[in-house]
Amino acid sequence: MKISPLGDRVVLKSAEVEETTKSGIILTGNSKEKPVYSEVVAVGPGAVVDGKKVPMEVKVGQKVIYSKYAGTEVKFGEDEYTIVKQGDILAVVE
């Protein structure tokens, strides 16, 4: 089974959360921040606005930064994903 997003949605694989701070303090589960840096694992076909197709600007395999509180978190099998709209992606990391 695989996830195939619809419209202008993008499926992101959650990045690993830092377990220690730069100064060496170990963080508990509640202290860890939601990552905003993820890898694109699936891309929808694109949205249609006023009868014109809007192409997707991201591709599978790219690393992206997205809005902190954007998207829907889902667990699929053993992995956790975030599904966001293309507009919630702020930048591509190269």
C-alpha atoms as a PDB file:
ATOM      1  CA  MET A   1       0.000   0.000   0.000  1.00  0.00           C
ATOM      2  CA  LYS A   2       1.089   3.578  -0.630  1.00  0.00           C
ATOM      3  CA  ILE A   3      -0.210   7.070   0.003  1.00  0.00           C
ATOM      4  CA  SER A   4      -1.255   9.050  -3.096  1.00  0.00           C
ATOM      5  CA  PRO A   5      -2.205  12.649  -2.263  1.00  0.00           C
ATOM      6  CA  LEU A   6      -4.972  14.449  -4.138  1.00  0.00           C
ATOM      7  CA  GLY A   7      -4.939  17.946  -5.622  1.00  0.00           C
ATOM      8  CA  ASP A   8      -2.084  20.178  -4.494  1.00  0.00           C
ATOM      9  CA  ARG A   9      -1.227  18.115  -1.429  1.00  0.00           C
ATOM     10  CA  VAL A  10       2.213  16.765  -0.578  1.00  0.00           C
ATOM     11  CA  VAL A  11       3.130  13.855   1.721  1.00  0.00           C
ATOM     12  CA  LEU A  12       6.178  14.531   3.899  1.00  0.00           C
ATOM     13  CA  LYS A  13       8.178  11.999   5.910  1.00  0.00           C
ATOM     14  CA  SER A  14       8.822  13.422   9.337  1.00  0.00           C
ATOM     15  CA  ALA A  15      12.423  14.226  10.180  1.00  0.00           C
ATOM     16  CA  GLU A  16      14.021  12.819  13.295  1.00  0.00           C
ATOM     17  CA  VAL A  17      13.496  15.035  16.324  1.00  0.00           C
ATOM     18  CA  GLU A  18      16.577  16.191  18.212  1.00  0.00           C
ATOM     19  CA  GLU A  19      16.824  14.392  21.539  1.00  0.00           C
ATOM     20  CA  THR A  20      19.483  16.654  23.030  1.00  0.00           C
ATOM     21  CA  THR A  21      20.102  20.379  22.855  1.00  0.00           C
ATOM     22  CA  LYS A  22      23.387  21.878  21.658  1.00  0.00           C
ATOM     23  CA  SER A  23      24.430  22.252  25.288  1.00  0.00           C
ATOM     24  CA  GLY A  24      23.801  18.539  25.955  1.00  0.00           C
ATOM     25  CA  ILE A  25      20.454  18.674  27.780  1.00  0.00           C
ATOM     26  CA  ILE A  26      18.384  15.557  27.059  1.00  0.00           C
ATOM     27  CA  LEU A  27      14.803  16.388  26.043  1.00  0.00           C
ATOM     28  CA  THR A  28      11.797  14.369  27.170  1.00  0.00           C
ATOM     29  CA  GLY A  29       8.984  13.431  24.779  1.00  0.00           C
ATOM     30  CA  ASN A  30       6.892  16.496  25.675  1.00  0.00           C
ATOM     31  CA  SER A  31       9.793  18.936  25.254  1.00  0.00           C
ATOM     32  CA  LYS A  32      10.617  17.987  21.675  1.00  0.00           C
ATOM     33  CA  GLU A  33       9.421  20.403  19.011  1.00  0.00           C
ATOM     34  CA  LYS A  34       7.573  19.266  15.912  1.00  0.00           C
ATOM     35  CA  PRO A  35      10.070  19.182  13.024  1.00  0.00           C
ATOM     36  CA  VAL A  36       9.492  21.617  10.169  1.00  0.00           C
ATOM     37  CA  TYR A  37      12.122  20.008   7.937  1.00  0.00           C
ATOM     38  CA  SER A  38      11.030  16.911   6.026  1.00  0.00           C
ATOM     39  CA  GLU A  39      11.501  14.870   2.866  1.00  0.00           C
ATOM     40  CA  VAL A  40       8.848  14.778   0.133  1.00  0.00           C
ATOM     41  CA  VAL A  41       7.661  11.182  -0.392  1.00  0.00           C
ATOM     42  CA  ALA A  42       4.602  11.767  -2.621  1.00  0.00           C
ATOM     43  CA  VAL A  43       3.149  14.650  -4.619  1.00  0.00           C
ATOM     44  CA  GLY A  44      -0.414  15.159  -5.854  1.00  0.00           C
ATOM     45  CA  PRO A  45      -1.268  15.943  -9.481  1.00  0.00           C
ATOM     46  CA  GLY A  46      -1.782  19.663  -8.824  1.00  0.00           C
ATOM     47  CA  ALA A  47      -4.766  21.925  -8.285  1.00  0.00           C
ATOM     48  CA  VAL A  48      -7.156  23.368 -10.844  1.00  0.00           C
ATOM     49  CA  VAL A  49      -7.864  27.096 -10.379  1.00  0.00           C
ATOM     50  CA  ASP A  50     -10.314  28.883 -12.686  1.00  0.00           C
ATOM     51  CA  GLY A  51     -10.121  25.970 -15.131  1.00  0.00           C
ATOM     52  CA  LYS A  52      -6.307  26.078 -15.368  1.00  0.00           C
ATOM     53  CA  LYS A  53      -4.036  23.445 -13.880  1.00  0.00           C
ATOM     54  CA  VAL A  54      -1.501  24.767 -11.367  1.00  0.00           C
ATOM     55  CA  PRO A  55       1.676  22.642 -11.593  1.00  0.00           C
ATOM     56  CA  MET A  56       3.402  21.252  -8.513  1.00  0.00           C
ATOM     57  CA  GLU A  57       6.683  22.955  -7.635  1.00  0.00           C
ATOM     58  CA  VAL A  58       8.127  20.194  -5.441  1.00  0.00           C
ATOM     59  CA  LYS A  59       9.279  16.706  -6.402  1.00  0.00           C
ATOM     60  CA  VAL A  60       9.662  13.421  -4.577  1.00  0.00           C
ATOM     61  CA  GLY A  61      13.012  13.247  -2.778  1.00  0.00           C
ATOM     62  CA  GLN A  62      13.393  16.978  -2.127  1.00  0.00           C
ATOM     63  CA  LYS A  63      13.919  18.269   1.398  1.00  0.00           C
ATOM     64  CA  VAL A  64      11.542  21.075   2.371  1.00  0.00           C
ATOM     65  CA  ILE A  65      10.736  23.466   5.199  1.00  0.00           C
ATOM     66  CA  TYR A  66       7.039  23.953   5.922  1.00  0.00           C
ATOM     67  CA  SER A  67       4.851  26.024   8.250  1.00  0.00           C
ATOM     68  CA  LYS A  68       5.132  24.868  11.853  1.00  0.00           C
ATOM     69  CA  TYR A  69       1.444  24.125  12.480  1.00  0.00           C
ATOM     70  CA  ALA A  70       0.510  23.123   8.932  1.00  0.00           C
ATOM     71  CA  GLY A  71      -0.849  19.831   7.718  1.00  0.00           C
ATOM     72  CA  THR A  72      -2.346  16.660   9.053  1.00  0.00           C
ATOM     73  CA  GLU A  73      -0.215  14.079  10.809  1.00  0.00           C
ATOM     74  CA  VAL A  74      -0.948  10.443   9.935  1.00  0.00           C
ATOM     75  CA  LYS A  75       0.579   7.138  10.938  1.00  0.00           C
ATOM     76  CA  PHE A  76       0.777   4.667   8.066  1.00  0.00           C
ATOM     77  CA  GLY A  77       2.279   1.327   8.992  1.00  0.00           C
ATOM     78  CA  GLU A  78       5.289   1.996  11.202  1.00  0.00           C
ATOM     79  CA  ASP A  79       6.032   5.436   9.733  1.00  0.00           C
ATOM     80  CA  GLU A  80       4.612   8.877  10.509  1.00  0.00           C
ATOM     81  CA  TYR A  81       3.814  11.348   7.743  1.00  0.00           C
ATOM     82  CA  THR A  82       2.504  14.891   7.451  1.00  0.00           C
ATOM     83  CA  ILE A  83       0.178  15.811   4.583  1.00  0.00           C
ATOM     84  CA  VAL A  84       0.332  19.508   3.679  1.00  0.00           C
ATOM     85  CA  LYS A  85      -0.906  21.744   0.879  1.00  0.00           C
ATOM     86  CA  GLN A  86       1.770  22.975  -1.498  1.00  0.00           C
ATOM     87  CA  GLY A  87       1.148  26.535  -0.230  1.00  0.00           C
ATOM     88  CA  ASP A  88       2.270  25.513   3.278  1.00  0.00           C
ATOM     89  CA  ILE A  89       5.759  24.654   1.994  1.00  0.00           C
ATOM     90  CA  LEU A  90       8.030  27.622   2.585  1.00  0.00           C
ATOM     91  CA  ALA A  91      11.306  26.545   0.976  1.00  0.00           C
ATOM     92  CA  VAL A  92      13.217  23.737  -0.714  1.00  0.00           C
ATOM     93  CA  VAL A  93      16.545  22.867   0.942  1.00  0.00           C
ATOM     94  CA  GLU A  94      19.376  22.056  -1.470  1.00  0.00           C
END
